[in-house]
């Protein structure tokens, strides 16, 4: 089924970012299971970022700097049913798959932007209805924060010139997201989750 890309609403979207954002929505469900946060860190407590003015000899990452997350002795196999169900909801409300599968090279940025509005509104509806999300960090992005010893390494990912041990002082690049609750609709017995969108035949 072709996606109607006829522009009806004004838009100033950049074509490249629209396509990347659409693909990111597909991966969103998997990322919910492993929220992460990016923080640019350095050992200094002043306002000098770790990416500038650092001693070249200290650029090597100290393996003892970041607390390690203990790996489970068994590997948990994930079920694709929830991911397929989420993808079906995005198709139903946002026509996401139609949009991503469409060859958009021949369309202008304005035409793609108009269609992207539908994808954005529908995707937001699905996420707000079936997921409860909260930021991992409450500080403003680009603000300076300090991570105390023993911070949760699964919630915070360190980047930059990571040397030594906590406490670390750095710049919060992204607050991260945590899924507080997931309330996907219950599936009836025998439901085929591989059917993301049934074919439509008009009589």
C-alpha atoms as a PDB file:
ATOM      1  CA  UNK A   1       0.000   0.000   0.000  1.00  0.00           C
ATOM      2  CA  UNK A   2       1.477   3.330  -1.037  1.00  0.00           C
ATOM      3  CA  UNK A   3       1.858   6.074   1.516  1.00  0.00           C
ATOM      4  CA  UNK A   4       0.257   9.352   0.528  1.00  0.00           C
ATOM      5  CA  UNK A   5       3.040  11.906   0.491  1.00  0.00           C
ATOM      6  CA  UNK A   6       0.955  14.776  -0.846  1.00  0.00           C
ATOM      7  CA  UNK A   7       1.877  17.807   1.306  1.00  0.00           C
ATOM      8  CA  UNK A   8      -1.074  19.208   3.194  1.00  0.00           C
ATOM      9  CA  UNK A   9       0.632  20.742   6.181  1.00  0.00           C
ATOM     10  CA  UNK A  10       3.640  23.093   6.218  1.00  0.00           C
ATOM     11  CA  UNK A  11       6.887  21.502   7.265  1.00  0.00           C
ATOM     12  CA  UNK A  12      10.603  22.293   7.405  1.00  0.00           C
ATOM     13  CA  UNK A  13      11.945  18.833   8.205  1.00  0.00           C
ATOM     14  CA  UNK A  14      15.392  17.812   7.007  1.00  0.00           C
ATOM     15  CA  UNK A  15      15.043  14.702   4.826  1.00  0.00           C
ATOM     16  CA  UNK A  16      17.974  12.822   6.308  1.00  0.00           C
ATOM     17  CA  UNK A  17      16.868  13.353   9.897  1.00  0.00           C
ATOM     18  CA  UNK A  18      13.297  12.323   9.095  1.00  0.00           C
ATOM     19  CA  UNK A  19      14.391   8.982   7.687  1.00  0.00           C
ATOM     20  CA  UNK A  20      16.767   8.353  10.592  1.00  0.00           C
ATOM     21  CA  UNK A  21      14.081   9.291  13.120  1.00  0.00           C
ATOM     22  CA  UNK A  22      11.628   6.854  11.529  1.00  0.00           C
ATOM     23  CA  UNK A  23      14.111   4.012  11.758  1.00  0.00           C
ATOM     24  CA  UNK A  24      14.850   4.972  15.372  1.00  0.00           C
ATOM     25  CA  UNK A  25      11.201   4.542  16.308  1.00  0.00           C
ATOM     26  CA  UNK A  26      11.357   0.918  15.153  1.00  0.00           C
ATOM     27  CA  UNK A  27      14.305   0.310  17.480  1.00  0.00           C
ATOM     28  CA  UNK A  28      12.651   2.153  20.368  1.00  0.00           C
ATOM     29  CA  UNK A  29      11.034  -0.904  21.887  1.00  0.00           C
ATOM     30  CA  UNK A  30      14.325  -2.762  22.162  1.00  0.00           C
ATOM     31  CA  UNK A  31      16.033   0.257  23.694  1.00  0.00           C
ATOM     32  CA  UNK A  32      13.410   0.404  26.437  1.00  0.00           C
ATOM     33  CA  UNK A  33      14.782  -2.822  27.815  1.00  0.00           C
ATOM     34  CA  UNK A  34      18.207  -1.288  28.205  1.00  0.00           C
ATOM     35  CA  UNK A  35      18.011   2.449  28.939  1.00  0.00           C
ATOM     36  CA  UNK A  36      21.281   4.276  28.822  1.00  0.00           C
ATOM     37  CA  UNK A  37      22.633   7.714  29.493  1.00  0.00           C
ATOM     38  CA  UNK A  38      25.526   9.549  27.947  1.00  0.00           C
ATOM     39  CA  UNK A  39      27.673  11.774  30.118  1.00  0.00           C
ATOM     40  CA  UNK A  40      30.857  13.452  28.992  1.00  0.00           C
ATOM     41  CA  UNK A  41      33.120  13.135  32.022  1.00  0.00           C
ATOM     42  CA  UNK A  42      36.469  14.195  33.338  1.00  0.00           C
ATOM     43  CA  UNK A  43      38.180  13.965  36.696  1.00  0.00           C
ATOM     44  CA  UNK A  44      38.514  17.726  37.080  1.00  0.00           C
ATOM     45  CA  UNK A  45      35.806  19.602  38.966  1.00  0.00           C
ATOM     46  CA  UNK A  46      36.242  22.845  37.010  1.00  0.00           C
ATOM     47  CA  UNK A  47      34.282  23.779  33.883  1.00  0.00           C
ATOM     48  CA  UNK A  48      36.940  22.486  31.453  1.00  0.00           C
ATOM     49  CA  UNK A  49      35.480  19.618  29.416  1.00  0.00           C
ATOM     50  CA  UNK A  50      37.421  16.428  29.128  1.00  0.00           C
ATOM     51  CA  UNK A  51      37.690  16.685  25.350  1.00  0.00           C
ATOM     52  CA  UNK A  52      39.926  19.715  25.472  1.00  0.00           C
ATOM     53  CA  UNK A  53      43.220  20.515  27.163  1.00  0.00           C
ATOM     54  CA  UNK A  54      43.811  16.974  28.347  1.00  0.00           C
ATOM     55  CA  UNK A  55      47.270  15.501  28.732  1.00  0.00           C
ATOM     56  CA  UNK A  56      47.784  13.084  25.807  1.00  0.00           C
ATOM     57  CA  UNK A  57      49.430  10.639  28.204  1.00  0.00           C
ATOM     58  CA  UNK A  58      46.210  10.431  30.255  1.00  0.00           C
ATOM     59  CA  UNK A  59      43.868   9.674  27.366  1.00  0.00           C
ATOM     60  CA  UNK A  60      44.069   5.943  27.894  1.00  0.00           C
ATOM     61  CA  UNK A  61      40.924   4.626  29.556  1.00  0.00           C
ATOM     62  CA  UNK A  62      41.449   3.118  32.994  1.00  0.00           C
ATOM     63  CA  UNK A  63      39.569  -0.187  33.122  1.00  0.00           C
ATOM     64  CA  UNK A  64      38.912   0.369  36.839  1.00  0.00           C
ATOM     65  CA  UNK A  65      37.144   3.687  36.252  1.00  0.00           C
ATOM     66  CA  UNK A  66      33.712   2.384  35.318  1.00  0.00           C
ATOM     67  CA  UNK A  67      31.843   0.006  37.631  1.00  0.00           C
ATOM     68  CA  UNK A  68      31.224  -3.241  35.816  1.00  0.00           C
ATOM     69  CA  UNK A  69      27.795  -4.799  35.541  1.00  0.00           C
ATOM     70  CA  UNK A  70      27.751  -8.434  36.605  1.00  0.00           C
ATOM     71  CA  UNK A  71      26.700 -10.686  33.772  1.00  0.00           C
ATOM     72  CA  UNK A  72      24.110 -13.341  34.421  1.00  0.00           C
ATOM     73  CA  UNK A  73      25.324 -16.918  34.240  1.00  0.00           C
ATOM     74  CA  UNK A  74      22.475 -17.661  31.857  1.00  0.00           C
ATOM     75  CA  UNK A  75      21.459 -15.815  28.714  1.00  0.00           C
ATOM     76  CA  UNK A  76      17.813 -14.763  28.647  1.00  0.00           C
ATOM     77  CA  UNK A  77      16.190 -15.376  25.301  1.00  0.00           C
ATOM     78  CA  UNK A  78      13.781 -12.622  24.343  1.00  0.00           C
ATOM     79  CA  UNK A  79      10.400 -13.249  22.777  1.00  0.00           C
ATOM     80  CA  UNK A  80       9.638 -11.329  19.571  1.00  0.00           C
ATOM     81  CA  UNK A  81       5.898 -11.207  20.239  1.00  0.00           C
ATOM     82  CA  UNK A  82       5.885  -7.916  22.172  1.00  0.00           C
ATOM     83  CA  UNK A  83       8.168  -6.251  19.631  1.00  0.00           C
ATOM     84  CA  UNK A  84       5.940  -7.399  16.760  1.00  0.00           C
ATOM     85  CA  UNK A  85       2.856  -6.211  18.608  1.00  0.00           C
ATOM     86  CA  UNK A  86       4.435  -2.797  19.175  1.00  0.00           C
ATOM     87  CA  UNK A  87       5.419  -2.586  15.505  1.00  0.00           C
ATOM     88  CA  UNK A  88       1.834  -3.420  14.499  1.00  0.00           C
ATOM     89  CA  UNK A  89       0.522  -0.608  16.714  1.00  0.00           C
ATOM     90  CA  UNK A  90       2.935   1.854  15.098  1.00  0.00           C
ATOM     91  CA  UNK A  91       1.736   0.768  11.676  1.00  0.00           C
ATOM     92  CA  UNK A  92      -1.907   1.024  12.719  1.00  0.00           C
ATOM     93  CA  UNK A  93      -1.695   4.484  14.255  1.00  0.00           C
ATOM     94  CA  UNK A  94       1.278   6.055  12.453  1.00  0.00           C
ATOM     95  CA  UNK A  95       1.574   4.105   9.174  1.00  0.00           C
ATOM     96  CA  UNK A  96       5.239   3.787  10.124  1.00  0.00           C
ATOM     97  CA  UNK A  97       6.090   0.789   7.946  1.00  0.00           C
ATOM     98  CA  UNK A  98       4.366   2.338   4.922  1.00  0.00           C
ATOM     99  CA  UNK A  99       6.472   5.455   5.455  1.00  0.00           C
ATOM    100  CA  UNK A 100       9.794   3.654   5.939  1.00  0.00           C
ATOM    101  CA  UNK A 101       9.249   1.283   3.007  1.00  0.00           C
ATOM    102  CA  UNK A 102       8.274   4.080   0.627  1.00  0.00           C
ATOM    103  CA  UNK A 103      10.913   5.182  -1.897  1.00  0.00           C
ATOM    104  CA  UNK A 104      11.130   8.844  -0.924  1.00  0.00           C
ATOM    105  CA  UNK A 105      14.073   9.885  -3.075  1.00  0.00           C
ATOM    106  CA  UNK A 106      11.787  11.417  -5.687  1.00  0.00           C
ATOM    107  CA  UNK A 107       9.872  13.509  -3.143  1.00  0.00           C
ATOM    108  CA  UNK A 108      10.865  16.929  -1.825  1.00  0.00           C
ATOM    109  CA  UNK A 109      11.729  17.621   1.803  1.00  0.00           C
ATOM    110  CA  UNK A 110       8.404  19.450   2.151  1.00  0.00           C
ATOM    111  CA  UNK A 111       6.448  16.421   0.907  1.00  0.00           C
ATOM    112  CA  UNK A 112       8.315  14.045   3.194  1.00  0.00           C
ATOM    113  CA  UNK A 113       7.895  16.485   6.072  1.00  0.00           C
ATOM    114  CA  UNK A 114       4.122  16.560   5.620  1.00  0.00           C
ATOM    115  CA  UNK A 115       3.970  12.757   5.794  1.00  0.00           C
ATOM    116  CA  UNK A 116       6.334  12.743   8.767  1.00  0.00           C
ATOM    117  CA  UNK A 117       3.782  14.731  10.759  1.00  0.00           C
ATOM    118  CA  UNK A 118       1.389  11.781  10.535  1.00  0.00           C
ATOM    119  CA  UNK A 119       4.136   9.376  11.610  1.00  0.00           C
ATOM    120  CA  UNK A 120       5.121  11.610  14.522  1.00  0.00           C
ATOM    121  CA  UNK A 121       1.587  12.129  15.815  1.00  0.00           C
ATOM    122  CA  UNK A 122       0.678   8.445  15.564  1.00  0.00           C
ATOM    123  CA  UNK A 123       3.929   7.260  17.143  1.00  0.00           C
ATOM    124  CA  UNK A 124       3.513   9.676  20.039  1.00  0.00           C
ATOM    125  CA  UNK A 125      -0.040   8.416  20.592  1.00  0.00           C
ATOM    126  CA  UNK A 126       1.120   4.789  20.793  1.00  0.00           C
ATOM    127  CA  UNK A 127       4.024   5.518  23.142  1.00  0.00           C
ATOM    128  CA  UNK A 128       1.957   7.693  25.481  1.00  0.00           C
ATOM    129  CA  UNK A 129      -0.906   5.181  25.593  1.00  0.00           C
ATOM    130  CA  UNK A 130       1.049   1.992  26.216  1.00  0.00           C
ATOM    131  CA  UNK A 131       4.253   3.128  27.941  1.00  0.00           C
ATOM    132  CA  UNK A 132       5.050   5.151  31.040  1.00  0.00           C
ATOM    133  CA  UNK A 133       8.463   6.771  30.599  1.00  0.00           C
ATOM    134  CA  UNK A 134      10.558   8.918  32.907  1.00  0.00           C
ATOM    135  CA  UNK A 135      14.009  10.515  32.547  1.00  0.00           C
ATOM    136  CA  UNK A 136      16.830   8.766  34.391  1.00  0.00           C
ATOM    137  CA  UNK A 137      18.461  12.063  35.377  1.00  0.00           C
ATOM    138  CA  UNK A 138      16.429  15.106  36.362  1.00  0.00           C
ATOM    139  CA  UNK A 139      19.162  17.697  35.802  1.00  0.00           C
ATOM    140  CA  UNK A 140      19.097  19.929  32.731  1.00  0.00           C
ATOM    141  CA  UNK A 141      21.073  18.682  29.767  1.00  0.00           C
ATOM    142  CA  UNK A 142      24.417  20.456  29.260  1.00  0.00           C
ATOM    143  CA  UNK A 143      24.618  21.041  33.033  1.00  0.00           C
ATOM    144  CA  UNK A 144      27.587  19.900  35.146  1.00  0.00           C
ATOM    145  CA  UNK A 145      26.902  16.974  37.473  1.00  0.00           C
ATOM    146  CA  UNK A 146      28.915  14.760  39.796  1.00  0.00           C
ATOM    147  CA  UNK A 147      28.577  10.991  39.925  1.00  0.00           C
ATOM    148  CA  UNK A 148      29.339   9.606  43.360  1.00  0.00           C
ATOM    149  CA  UNK A 149      31.207   6.386  44.004  1.00  0.00           C
ATOM    150  CA  UNK A 150      29.001   3.356  43.427  1.00  0.00           C
ATOM    151  CA  UNK A 151      26.751   4.977  40.806  1.00  0.00           C
ATOM    152  CA  UNK A 152      24.616   2.627  38.719  1.00  0.00           C
ATOM    153  CA  UNK A 153      26.630   1.843  35.579  1.00  0.00           C
ATOM    154  CA  UNK A 154      23.567   0.427  33.805  1.00  0.00           C
ATOM    155  CA  UNK A 155      21.835   3.818  34.078  1.00  0.00           C
ATOM    156  CA  UNK A 156      24.809   6.040  33.260  1.00  0.00           C
ATOM    157  CA  UNK A 157      27.289   5.558  30.443  1.00  0.00           C
ATOM    158  CA  UNK A 158      30.548   7.458  30.652  1.00  0.00           C
ATOM    159  CA  UNK A 159      32.240   8.868  27.550  1.00  0.00           C
ATOM    160  CA  UNK A 160      35.266  11.041  26.970  1.00  0.00           C
ATOM    161  CA  UNK A 161      38.479  10.973  28.985  1.00  0.00           C
ATOM    162  CA  UNK A 162      37.483   8.419  31.633  1.00  0.00           C
ATOM    163  CA  UNK A 163      40.464   8.085  33.974  1.00  0.00           C
ATOM    164  CA  UNK A 164      40.648   6.993  37.580  1.00  0.00           C
ATOM    165  CA  UNK A 165      37.746   6.153  39.866  1.00  0.00           C
ATOM    166  CA  UNK A 166      34.551   7.895  40.982  1.00  0.00           C
ATOM    167  CA  UNK A 167      33.502  10.502  41.892  1.00  0.00           C
ATOM    168  CA  UNK A 168      33.357  11.852  38.338  1.00  0.00           C
ATOM    169  CA  UNK A 169      32.362  15.359  37.323  1.00  0.00           C
ATOM    170  CA  UNK A 170      31.122  15.855  33.771  1.00  0.00           C
ATOM    171  CA  UNK A 171      28.544  17.348  31.430  1.00  0.00           C
ATOM    172  CA  UNK A 172      25.148  15.694  31.091  1.00  0.00           C
ATOM    173  CA  UNK A 173      24.661  15.145  27.354  1.00  0.00           C
ATOM    174  CA  UNK A 174      21.393  13.197  27.526  1.00  0.00           C
ATOM    175  CA  UNK A 175      19.087  12.530  30.482  1.00  0.00           C
ATOM    176  CA  UNK A 176      18.252   8.994  29.365  1.00  0.00           C
ATOM    177  CA  UNK A 177      14.877   7.240  29.540  1.00  0.00           C
ATOM    178  CA  UNK A 178      13.497   4.544  31.818  1.00  0.00           C
ATOM    179  CA  UNK A 179      10.343   2.514  31.161  1.00  0.00           C
ATOM    180  CA  UNK A 180       8.328   2.687  34.369  1.00  0.00           C
ATOM    181  CA  UNK A 181       5.478   0.602  32.966  1.00  0.00           C
ATOM    182  CA  UNK A 182       4.547  -1.253  29.782  1.00  0.00           C
ATOM    183  CA  UNK A 183       0.853  -1.899  29.163  1.00  0.00           C
ATOM    184  CA  UNK A 184       0.540  -3.458  25.740  1.00  0.00           C
ATOM    185  CA  UNK A 185      -2.871  -4.943  24.887  1.00  0.00           C
ATOM    186  CA  UNK A 186      -3.360  -8.618  25.735  1.00  0.00           C
ATOM    187  CA  UNK A 187      -3.216 -10.984  22.787  1.00  0.00           C
ATOM    188  CA  UNK A 188      -5.968 -13.465  22.103  1.00  0.00           C
ATOM    189  CA  UNK A 189      -5.107 -17.146  21.819  1.00  0.00           C
ATOM    190  CA  UNK A 190      -3.933 -18.049  18.343  1.00  0.00           C
ATOM    191  CA  UNK A 191      -3.199 -14.462  17.344  1.00  0.00           C
ATOM    192  CA  UNK A 192      -0.468 -14.364  14.681  1.00  0.00           C
ATOM    193  CA  UNK A 193       1.865 -11.534  15.722  1.00  0.00           C
ATOM    194  CA  UNK A 194       3.887 -11.885  12.525  1.00  0.00           C
ATOM    195  CA  UNK A 195       1.011 -10.226  10.641  1.00  0.00           C
ATOM    196  CA  UNK A 196       1.938  -6.599  11.225  1.00  0.00           C
ATOM    197  CA  UNK A 197      -0.754  -5.252   8.906  1.00  0.00           C
ATOM    198  CA  UNK A 198      -3.281  -7.338   7.015  1.00  0.00           C
ATOM    199  CA  UNK A 199      -3.647  -6.789   3.285  1.00  0.00           C
ATOM    200  CA  UNK A 200      -6.725  -4.725   2.394  1.00  0.00           C
ATOM    201  CA  UNK A 201      -9.103  -5.628  -0.425  1.00  0.00           C
ATOM    202  CA  UNK A 202     -11.945  -3.290  -1.335  1.00  0.00           C
ATOM    203  CA  UNK A 203     -14.998  -4.923  -2.915  1.00  0.00           C
END
